Amino acid sequence: MFLLDKPCGPTSFWVVRQVRRLLSIKKVGHAGTLDPFASGLLIVCAGRAATRTIDALMAGEKEYLATLCLGVCTTTGDPEGEITLRRRVPPFSADELEAALDRFRGEYWQTPPAYSALKHQGKPLYAYARKGIVIEKPPRRVFISSLTREDLAFASDAATLTIRVRSSKGTYIRRLAEDIGDALGCGAYLTALRRTMSGPFSVERAVTAGLLKEEDGLRHLASARLDETELAALLRETRLPARVTD
């Protein structure tokens, strides 16, 4: 198992391909996709024993640093979509912002976004959305254990809000951004996203995935590998089978 810091731009599968190339094995996967525009912690598992634990790894809580553009909506809820709406950002106080954020703390019933990998009749929702067909899935229960404001900046025609979110598996931060925008009465979309934690691990421990392309990429990959102490912490956090240490 390796802790890697995915940069903005490449896909999560690009990181998987680099690990496959360096280790010369095909059985490699990751524990939770990051969109191309997003960055941060990606846990990559190599080998049969490790890849069998991916589902358990994905079940852990994750933390994100997210930046929202208030007053603007896009088709996808992120910078990869087209702008569909611009609204004036109403003046709101710190208390009003806190009240809006508080609506999403704890149990939160979230409607999955149209541009997601959830399946409908065997196809991902984004395949329908790209053809102009919107498939609505019923709301799902997620849990936001922590939601705090990190920064708020106003411009002439919009505002930027940065939040730190710690949430359960299956939480769509793009949808959370849109829902916060609706709660503030102006709409919003997610302009930047960085995963800072996954389960017991922090991105501060991760190795920059771009280094895997360098001539000494294998050395960098080796420094990203979990040691016995870290694996023990992972076992306690996720209740993984002991064979992961074999």
C-alpha atoms as a PDB file:
ATOM      1  CA  MET A   1       0.000   0.000   0.000  1.00  0.00           C
ATOM      2  CA  PHE A   2       1.271   3.435  -0.968  1.00  0.00           C
ATOM      3  CA  LEU A   3       0.275   6.965   0.066  1.00  0.00           C
ATOM      4  CA  LEU A   4       0.486   9.314  -2.904  1.00  0.00           C
ATOM      5  CA  ASP A   5      -0.388  12.979  -3.399  1.00  0.00           C
ATOM      6  CA  LYS A   6      -2.198  13.324  -6.727  1.00  0.00           C
ATOM      7  CA  PRO A   7      -1.636  16.690  -8.426  1.00  0.00           C
ATOM      8  CA  CYS A   8      -4.347  18.656 -10.215  1.00  0.00           C
ATOM      9  CA  GLY A   9      -4.730  17.612 -13.853  1.00  0.00           C
ATOM     10  CA  PRO A  10      -4.004  13.875 -14.090  1.00  0.00           C
ATOM     11  CA  THR A  11      -6.697  11.293 -13.410  1.00  0.00           C
ATOM     12  CA  SER A  12      -6.547   8.889 -10.487  1.00  0.00           C
ATOM     13  CA  PHE A  13      -6.043   6.074 -12.993  1.00  0.00           C
ATOM     14  CA  TRP A  14      -2.957   7.877 -14.311  1.00  0.00           C
ATOM     15  CA  VAL A  15      -1.419   7.401 -10.853  1.00  0.00           C
ATOM     16  CA  VAL A  16      -2.390   3.710 -10.926  1.00  0.00           C
ATOM     17  CA  ARG A  17      -0.692   3.325 -14.318  1.00  0.00           C
ATOM     18  CA  GLN A  18       2.555   4.795 -12.968  1.00  0.00           C
ATOM     19  CA  VAL A  19       2.571   2.281 -10.103  1.00  0.00           C
ATOM     20  CA  ARG A  20       1.833  -0.592 -12.500  1.00  0.00           C
ATOM     21  CA  ARG A  21       4.709   0.477 -14.711  1.00  0.00           C
ATOM     22  CA  LEU A  22       7.203   0.796 -11.877  1.00  0.00           C
ATOM     23  CA  LEU A  23       6.271  -2.513 -10.226  1.00  0.00           C
ATOM     24  CA  SER A  24       5.583  -4.407 -13.467  1.00  0.00           C
ATOM     25  CA  ILE A  25       2.335  -5.858 -12.108  1.00  0.00           C
ATOM     26  CA  LYS A  26      -1.265  -5.455 -13.258  1.00  0.00           C
ATOM     27  CA  LYS A  27      -3.081  -5.922  -9.935  1.00  0.00           C
ATOM     28  CA  VAL A  28      -3.102  -2.277  -8.810  1.00  0.00           C
ATOM     29  CA  GLY A  29      -6.041  -0.120  -7.693  1.00  0.00           C
ATOM     30  CA  HIS A  30      -6.850   2.920  -5.584  1.00  0.00           C
ATOM     31  CA  ALA A  31      -9.144   3.503  -2.615  1.00  0.00           C
ATOM     32  CA  GLY A  32     -11.310   6.388  -3.817  1.00  0.00           C
ATOM     33  CA  THR A  33     -11.258   8.395  -7.041  1.00  0.00           C
ATOM     34  CA  LEU A  34     -10.220  12.030  -7.189  1.00  0.00           C
ATOM     35  CA  ASP A  35     -11.487  14.018 -10.190  1.00  0.00           C
ATOM     36  CA  PRO A  36      -8.820  15.442 -12.516  1.00  0.00           C
ATOM     37  CA  PHE A  37      -9.257  18.991 -11.156  1.00  0.00           C
ATOM     38  CA  ALA A  38      -8.816  17.713  -7.574  1.00  0.00           C
ATOM     39  CA  SER A  39      -5.614  16.916  -5.724  1.00  0.00           C
ATOM     40  CA  GLY A  40      -4.541  15.203  -2.556  1.00  0.00           C
ATOM     41  CA  LEU A  41      -4.252  11.860  -0.823  1.00  0.00           C
ATOM     42  CA  LEU A  42      -4.704   8.743  -2.935  1.00  0.00           C
ATOM     43  CA  ILE A  43      -4.157   5.342  -1.311  1.00  0.00           C
ATOM     44  CA  VAL A  44      -2.877   2.935  -3.963  1.00  0.00           C
ATOM     45  CA  CYS A  45      -2.889  -0.818  -3.390  1.00  0.00           C
ATOM     46  CA  ALA A  46      -0.638  -3.194  -5.332  1.00  0.00           C
ATOM     47  CA  GLY A  47      -0.893  -6.978  -5.343  1.00  0.00           C
ATOM     48  CA  ARG A  48      -3.797  -9.327  -4.720  1.00  0.00           C
ATOM     49  CA  ALA A  49      -3.774  -9.163  -0.898  1.00  0.00           C
ATOM     50  CA  ALA A  50      -3.727  -5.357  -0.860  1.00  0.00           C
ATOM     51  CA  THR A  51      -6.341  -4.810  -3.586  1.00  0.00           C
ATOM     52  CA  ARG A  52      -8.768  -7.077  -1.713  1.00  0.00           C
ATOM     53  CA  THR A  53      -8.843  -4.460   1.052  1.00  0.00           C
ATOM     54  CA  ILE A  54      -9.887  -1.535  -1.175  1.00  0.00           C
ATOM     55  CA  ASP A  55     -13.578  -1.698  -0.201  1.00  0.00           C
ATOM     56  CA  ALA A  56     -12.657  -1.572   3.490  1.00  0.00           C
ATOM     57  CA  LEU A  57     -10.284   1.326   2.893  1.00  0.00           C
ATOM     58  CA  MET A  58     -12.953   3.294   1.038  1.00  0.00           C
ATOM     59  CA  ALA A  59     -15.342   2.905   3.966  1.00  0.00           C
ATOM     60  CA  GLY A  60     -13.221   5.176   6.168  1.00  0.00           C
ATOM     61  CA  GLU A  61     -13.940   8.838   6.867  1.00  0.00           C
ATOM     62  CA  LYS A  62     -12.254  11.402   4.621  1.00  0.00           C
ATOM     63  CA  GLU A  63     -11.319  15.049   5.003  1.00  0.00           C
ATOM     64  CA  TYR A  64     -11.283  17.668   2.236  1.00  0.00           C
ATOM     65  CA  LEU A  65     -10.334  21.291   1.780  1.00  0.00           C
ATOM     66  CA  ALA A  66     -12.873  22.683  -0.689  1.00  0.00           C
ATOM     67  CA  THR A  67     -13.167  26.071  -2.374  1.00  0.00           C
ATOM     68  CA  LEU A  68     -16.602  27.261  -3.528  1.00  0.00           C
ATOM     69  CA  CYS A  69     -17.389  30.059  -5.950  1.00  0.00           C
ATOM     70  CA  LEU A  70     -20.627  31.620  -4.706  1.00  0.00           C
ATOM     71  CA  GLY A  71     -23.052  33.214  -7.139  1.00  0.00           C
ATOM     72  CA  VAL A  72     -22.167  30.923 -10.066  1.00  0.00           C
ATOM     73  CA  CYS A  73     -23.536  27.491 -11.060  1.00  0.00           C
ATOM     74  CA  THR A  74     -22.177  25.024 -13.636  1.00  0.00           C
ATOM     75  CA  THR A  75     -23.608  21.955 -15.346  1.00  0.00           C
ATOM     76  CA  THR A  76     -21.326  19.611 -13.412  1.00  0.00           C
ATOM     77  CA  GLY A  77     -21.020  21.483 -10.112  1.00  0.00           C
ATOM     78  CA  ASP A  78     -17.282  21.874 -10.700  1.00  0.00           C
ATOM     79  CA  PRO A  79     -14.900  23.770 -13.056  1.00  0.00           C
ATOM     80  CA  GLU A  80     -15.171  21.086 -15.757  1.00  0.00           C
ATOM     81  CA  GLY A  81     -18.749  22.129 -16.598  1.00  0.00           C
ATOM     82  CA  GLU A  82     -20.280  25.089 -18.409  1.00  0.00           C
ATOM     83  CA  ILE A  83     -21.650  28.069 -16.504  1.00  0.00           C
ATOM     84  CA  THR A  84     -25.441  27.911 -16.386  1.00  0.00           C
ATOM     85  CA  LEU A  85     -26.326  30.705 -13.979  1.00  0.00           C
ATOM     86  CA  ARG A  86     -24.927  33.820 -12.345  1.00  0.00           C
ATOM     87  CA  ARG A  87     -26.580  35.439  -9.348  1.00  0.00           C
ATOM     88  CA  ARG A  88     -25.804  38.316  -7.056  1.00  0.00           C
ATOM     89  CA  VAL A  89     -24.280  37.132  -3.802  1.00  0.00           C
ATOM     90  CA  PRO A  90     -26.477  38.601  -1.065  1.00  0.00           C
ATOM     91  CA  PRO A  91     -24.756  40.239   1.889  1.00  0.00           C
ATOM     92  CA  PHE A  92     -24.729  37.812   4.796  1.00  0.00           C
ATOM     93  CA  SER A  93     -23.269  37.924   8.263  1.00  0.00           C
ATOM     94  CA  ALA A  94     -20.891  35.467   9.869  1.00  0.00           C
ATOM     95  CA  ASP A  95     -23.820  34.138  11.909  1.00  0.00           C
ATOM     96  CA  GLU A  96     -25.924  33.614   8.766  1.00  0.00           C
ATOM     97  CA  LEU A  97     -23.072  31.733   7.095  1.00  0.00           C
ATOM     98  CA  GLU A  98     -22.603  29.592  10.194  1.00  0.00           C
ATOM     99  CA  ALA A  99     -26.326  28.825  10.267  1.00  0.00           C
ATOM    100  CA  ALA A 100     -26.214  27.764   6.599  1.00  0.00           C
ATOM    101  CA  LEU A 101     -23.241  25.458   7.226  1.00  0.00           C
ATOM    102  CA  ASP A 102     -24.894  24.009  10.317  1.00  0.00           C
ATOM    103  CA  ARG A 103     -27.715  22.629   8.140  1.00  0.00           C
ATOM    104  CA  PHE A 104     -25.257  20.085   6.743  1.00  0.00           C
ATOM    105  CA  ARG A 105     -23.473  18.994   9.903  1.00  0.00           C
ATOM    106  CA  GLY A 106     -24.317  15.555  11.211  1.00  0.00           C
ATOM    107  CA  GLU A 107     -26.742  13.401   9.240  1.00  0.00           C
ATOM    108  CA  TYR A 108     -27.319  14.847   5.788  1.00  0.00           C
ATOM    109  CA  TRP A 109     -29.557  13.425   3.082  1.00  0.00           C
ATOM    110  CA  GLN A 110     -27.753  14.147  -0.147  1.00  0.00           C
ATOM    111  CA  THR A 111     -28.999  13.735  -3.714  1.00  0.00           C
ATOM    112  CA  PRO A 112     -26.210  12.305  -5.911  1.00  0.00           C
ATOM    113  CA  PRO A 113     -25.165  14.659  -8.733  1.00  0.00           C
ATOM    114  CA  ALA A 114     -26.152  13.888 -12.324  1.00  0.00           C
ATOM    115  CA  TYR A 115     -22.456  13.783 -13.251  1.00  0.00           C
ATOM    116  CA  SER A 116     -21.396  10.840 -11.102  1.00  0.00           C
ATOM    117  CA  ALA A 117     -20.259   7.251 -11.525  1.00  0.00           C
ATOM    118  CA  LEU A 118     -23.397   5.822  -9.925  1.00  0.00           C
ATOM    119  CA  LYS A 119     -25.027   3.286 -12.232  1.00  0.00           C
ATOM    120  CA  HIS A 120     -28.460   3.362 -13.876  1.00  0.00           C
ATOM    121  CA  GLN A 121     -29.369   0.324 -15.984  1.00  0.00           C
ATOM    122  CA  GLY A 122     -25.702  -0.628 -16.110  1.00  0.00           C
ATOM    123  CA  LYS A 123     -24.390   2.772 -17.205  1.00  0.00           C
ATOM    124  CA  PRO A 124     -22.872   5.577 -15.091  1.00  0.00           C
ATOM    125  CA  LEU A 125     -25.037   8.650 -14.611  1.00  0.00           C
ATOM    126  CA  TYR A 126     -22.485  10.891 -16.323  1.00  0.00           C
ATOM    127  CA  ALA A 127     -22.946   8.917 -19.558  1.00  0.00           C
ATOM    128  CA  TYR A 128     -26.607   9.991 -19.592  1.00  0.00           C
ATOM    129  CA  ALA A 129     -25.857  13.556 -18.449  1.00  0.00           C
ATOM    130  CA  ARG A 130     -23.403  14.101 -21.298  1.00  0.00           C
ATOM    131  CA  LYS A 131     -26.268  13.341 -23.684  1.00  0.00           C
ATOM    132  CA  GLY A 132     -28.556  15.797 -21.930  1.00  0.00           C
ATOM    133  CA  ILE A 133     -30.464  13.113 -20.026  1.00  0.00           C
ATOM    134  CA  VAL A 134     -30.697  13.799 -16.299  1.00  0.00           C
ATOM    135  CA  ILE A 135     -31.291  10.708 -14.143  1.00  0.00           C
ATOM    136  CA  GLU A 136     -32.272  11.573 -10.590  1.00  0.00           C
ATOM    137  CA  LYS A 137     -31.311   9.136  -7.873  1.00  0.00           C
ATOM    138  CA  PRO A 138     -33.051   9.232  -4.480  1.00  0.00           C
ATOM    139  CA  PRO A 139     -31.252  11.055  -1.652  1.00  0.00           C
ATOM    140  CA  ARG A 140     -28.764   9.013   0.347  1.00  0.00           C
ATOM    141  CA  ARG A 141     -27.792   9.340   3.983  1.00  0.00           C
ATOM    142  CA  VAL A 142     -24.260  10.638   4.531  1.00  0.00           C
ATOM    143  CA  PHE A 143     -22.660  12.011   7.661  1.00  0.00           C
ATOM    144  CA  ILE A 144     -20.670  15.238   8.000  1.00  0.00           C
ATOM    145  CA  SER A 145     -18.722  14.989  11.254  1.00  0.00           C
ATOM    146  CA  SER A 146     -16.963  18.332  10.797  1.00  0.00           C
ATOM    147  CA  LEU A 147     -17.648  21.372   8.572  1.00  0.00           C
ATOM    148  CA  THR A 148     -15.752  24.598   9.208  1.00  0.00           C
ATOM    149  CA  ARG A 149     -15.163  27.844   7.367  1.00  0.00           C
ATOM    150  CA  GLU A 150     -11.524  28.430   6.493  1.00  0.00           C
ATOM    151  CA  ASP A 151     -11.774  31.617   4.409  1.00  0.00           C
ATOM    152  CA  LEU A 152     -14.306  33.956   2.784  1.00  0.00           C
ATOM    153  CA  ALA A 153     -13.438  36.585   0.170  1.00  0.00           C
ATOM    154  CA  PHE A 154     -15.803  38.907  -1.683  1.00  0.00           C
ATOM    155  CA  ALA A 155     -15.262  40.201  -5.222  1.00  0.00           C
ATOM    156  CA  SER A 156     -17.349  42.570  -7.340  1.00  0.00           C
ATOM    157  CA  ASP A 157     -19.583  39.874  -8.852  1.00  0.00           C
ATOM    158  CA  ALA A 158     -18.951  36.760  -6.761  1.00  0.00           C
ATOM    159  CA  ALA A 159     -17.459  35.439  -3.535  1.00  0.00           C
ATOM    160  CA  THR A 160     -15.101  32.590  -2.697  1.00  0.00           C
ATOM    161  CA  LEU A 161     -15.714  30.389   0.326  1.00  0.00           C
ATOM    162  CA  THR A 162     -13.182  27.818   1.520  1.00  0.00           C
ATOM    163  CA  ILE A 163     -14.369  25.076   3.866  1.00  0.00           C
ATOM    164  CA  ARG A 164     -12.854  22.042   5.553  1.00  0.00           C
ATOM    165  CA  VAL A 165     -15.093  18.964   5.479  1.00  0.00           C
ATOM    166  CA  ARG A 166     -14.764  15.618   7.228  1.00  0.00           C
ATOM    167  CA  SER A 167     -17.376  13.210   5.923  1.00  0.00           C
ATOM    168  CA  SER A 168     -18.457   9.604   5.548  1.00  0.00           C
ATOM    169  CA  LYS A 169     -18.082   7.381   2.520  1.00  0.00           C
ATOM    170  CA  GLY A 170     -20.232   8.335  -0.453  1.00  0.00           C
ATOM    171  CA  THR A 171     -20.357  12.074   0.224  1.00  0.00           C
ATOM    172  CA  TYR A 172     -20.184  14.171  -2.941  1.00  0.00           C
ATOM    173  CA  ILE A 173     -18.375  17.406  -2.116  1.00  0.00           C
ATOM    174  CA  ARG A 174     -19.559  18.899  -5.433  1.00  0.00           C
ATOM    175  CA  ARG A 175     -23.157  18.395  -4.343  1.00  0.00           C
ATOM    176  CA  LEU A 176     -22.390  19.745  -0.876  1.00  0.00           C
ATOM    177  CA  ALA A 177     -20.986  22.895  -2.497  1.00  0.00           C
ATOM    178  CA  GLU A 178     -24.146  23.324  -4.571  1.00  0.00           C
ATOM    179  CA  ASP A 179     -26.368  22.729  -1.537  1.00  0.00           C
ATOM    180  CA  ILE A 180     -24.467  25.302   0.528  1.00  0.00           C
ATOM    181  CA  GLY A 181     -24.899  27.792  -2.320  1.00  0.00           C
ATOM    182  CA  ASP A 182     -28.646  27.116  -2.355  1.00  0.00           C
ATOM    183  CA  ALA A 183     -28.801  27.562   1.425  1.00  0.00           C
ATOM    184  CA  LEU A 184     -27.153  30.975   1.020  1.00  0.00           C
ATOM    185  CA  GLY A 185     -29.599  31.907  -1.739  1.00  0.00           C
ATOM    186  CA  CYS A 186     -27.040  32.470  -4.491  1.00  0.00           C
ATOM    187  CA  GLY A 187     -25.914  29.091  -5.825  1.00  0.00           C
ATOM    188  CA  ALA A 188     -22.328  27.835  -5.937  1.00  0.00           C
ATOM    189  CA  TYR A 189     -19.955  25.454  -7.627  1.00  0.00           C
ATOM    190  CA  LEU A 190     -16.792  23.711  -6.496  1.00  0.00           C
ATOM    191  CA  THR A 191     -13.697  25.418  -7.925  1.00  0.00           C
ATOM    192  CA  ALA A 192     -10.982  23.458  -6.096  1.00  0.00           C
ATOM    193  CA  LEU A 193     -10.781  20.315  -3.982  1.00  0.00           C
ATOM    194  CA  ARG A 194      -7.960  18.712  -2.020  1.00  0.00           C
ATOM    195  CA  ARG A 195      -8.260  15.492  -0.019  1.00  0.00           C
ATOM    196  CA  THR A 196      -6.224  15.975   3.125  1.00  0.00           C
ATOM    197  CA  MET A 197      -7.033  12.772   5.018  1.00  0.00           C
ATOM    198  CA  SER A 198      -8.363   9.264   4.406  1.00  0.00           C
ATOM    199  CA  GLY A 199      -8.970   7.080   7.430  1.00  0.00           C
ATOM    200  CA  PRO A 200      -5.959   7.439   9.764  1.00  0.00           C
ATOM    201  CA  PHE A 201      -3.643   8.866   7.091  1.00  0.00           C
ATOM    202  CA  SER A 202      -2.775  12.456   6.174  1.00  0.00           C
ATOM    203  CA  VAL A 203      -1.627  13.849   2.850  1.00  0.00           C
ATOM    204  CA  GLU A 204       1.377  15.234   4.733  1.00  0.00           C
ATOM    205  CA  ARG A 205       2.767  11.682   4.797  1.00  0.00           C
ATOM    206  CA  ALA A 206       2.158  11.154   1.059  1.00  0.00           C
ATOM    207  CA  VAL A 207       4.709  11.345  -1.734  1.00  0.00           C
ATOM    208  CA  THR A 208       4.006  13.591  -4.726  1.00  0.00           C
ATOM    209  CA  ALA A 209       2.717  11.312  -7.487  1.00  0.00           C
ATOM    210  CA  GLY A 210       4.437  13.380 -10.182  1.00  0.00           C
ATOM    211  CA  LEU A 211       7.790  12.109  -8.893  1.00  0.00           C
ATOM    212  CA  LEU A 212       6.897   8.610 -10.107  1.00  0.00           C
ATOM    213  CA  LYS A 213       7.625   9.724 -13.686  1.00  0.00           C
ATOM    214  CA  GLU A 214      11.205  10.632 -12.877  1.00  0.00           C
ATOM    215  CA  GLU A 215      14.178   8.394 -13.552  1.00  0.00           C
ATOM    216  CA  ASP A 216      14.308   7.355  -9.895  1.00  0.00           C
ATOM    217  CA  GLY A 217      10.526   6.943  -9.678  1.00  0.00           C
ATOM    218  CA  LEU A 218      10.834   3.530  -8.044  1.00  0.00           C
ATOM    219  CA  ARG A 219      12.767   5.049  -5.154  1.00  0.00           C
ATOM    220  CA  HIS A 220      10.043   7.652  -4.629  1.00  0.00           C
ATOM    221  CA  LEU A 221       7.394   4.944  -4.749  1.00  0.00           C
ATOM    222  CA  ALA A 222       9.270   2.944  -2.118  1.00  0.00           C
ATOM    223  CA  SER A 223       9.217   5.963   0.218  1.00  0.00           C
ATOM    224  CA  ALA A 224       5.417   6.120  -0.174  1.00  0.00           C
ATOM    225  CA  ARG A 225       4.945   2.530   1.002  1.00  0.00           C
ATOM    226  CA  LEU A 226       3.260   1.947   4.358  1.00  0.00           C
ATOM    227  CA  ASP A 227       5.585   0.510   6.985  1.00  0.00           C
ATOM    228  CA  GLU A 228       4.591  -2.002   9.680  1.00  0.00           C
ATOM    229  CA  THR A 229       3.573   0.693  12.204  1.00  0.00           C
ATOM    230  CA  GLU A 230       1.346   2.417   9.656  1.00  0.00           C
ATOM    231  CA  LEU A 231      -0.197  -0.890   8.601  1.00  0.00           C
ATOM    232  CA  ALA A 232      -0.962  -1.643  12.250  1.00  0.00           C
ATOM    233  CA  ALA A 233      -2.760   1.716  12.507  1.00  0.00           C
ATOM    234  CA  LEU A 234      -4.668   0.871   9.346  1.00  0.00           C
ATOM    235  CA  LEU A 235      -5.724  -2.480  10.759  1.00  0.00           C
ATOM    236  CA  ARG A 236      -7.061  -0.798  13.910  1.00  0.00           C
ATOM    237  CA  GLU A 237      -8.916   1.865  11.920  1.00  0.00           C
ATOM    238  CA  THR A 238     -10.545  -0.296   9.261  1.00  0.00           C
ATOM    239  CA  ARG A 239     -10.558  -3.798  10.793  1.00  0.00           C
ATOM    240  CA  LEU A 240      -8.816  -5.169   7.734  1.00  0.00           C
ATOM    241  CA  PRO A 241      -7.830  -8.835   7.715  1.00  0.00           C
ATOM    242  CA  ALA A 242      -4.346  -9.535   9.004  1.00  0.00           C
ATOM    243  CA  ARG A 243      -3.299 -10.982   5.640  1.00  0.00           C
ATOM    244  CA  VAL A 244      -2.699  -7.435   4.402  1.00  0.00           C
ATOM    245  CA  THR A 245       0.618  -7.552   6.266  1.00  0.00           C
ATOM    246  CA  ASP A 246       1.736 -10.779   4.604  1.00  0.00           C
END
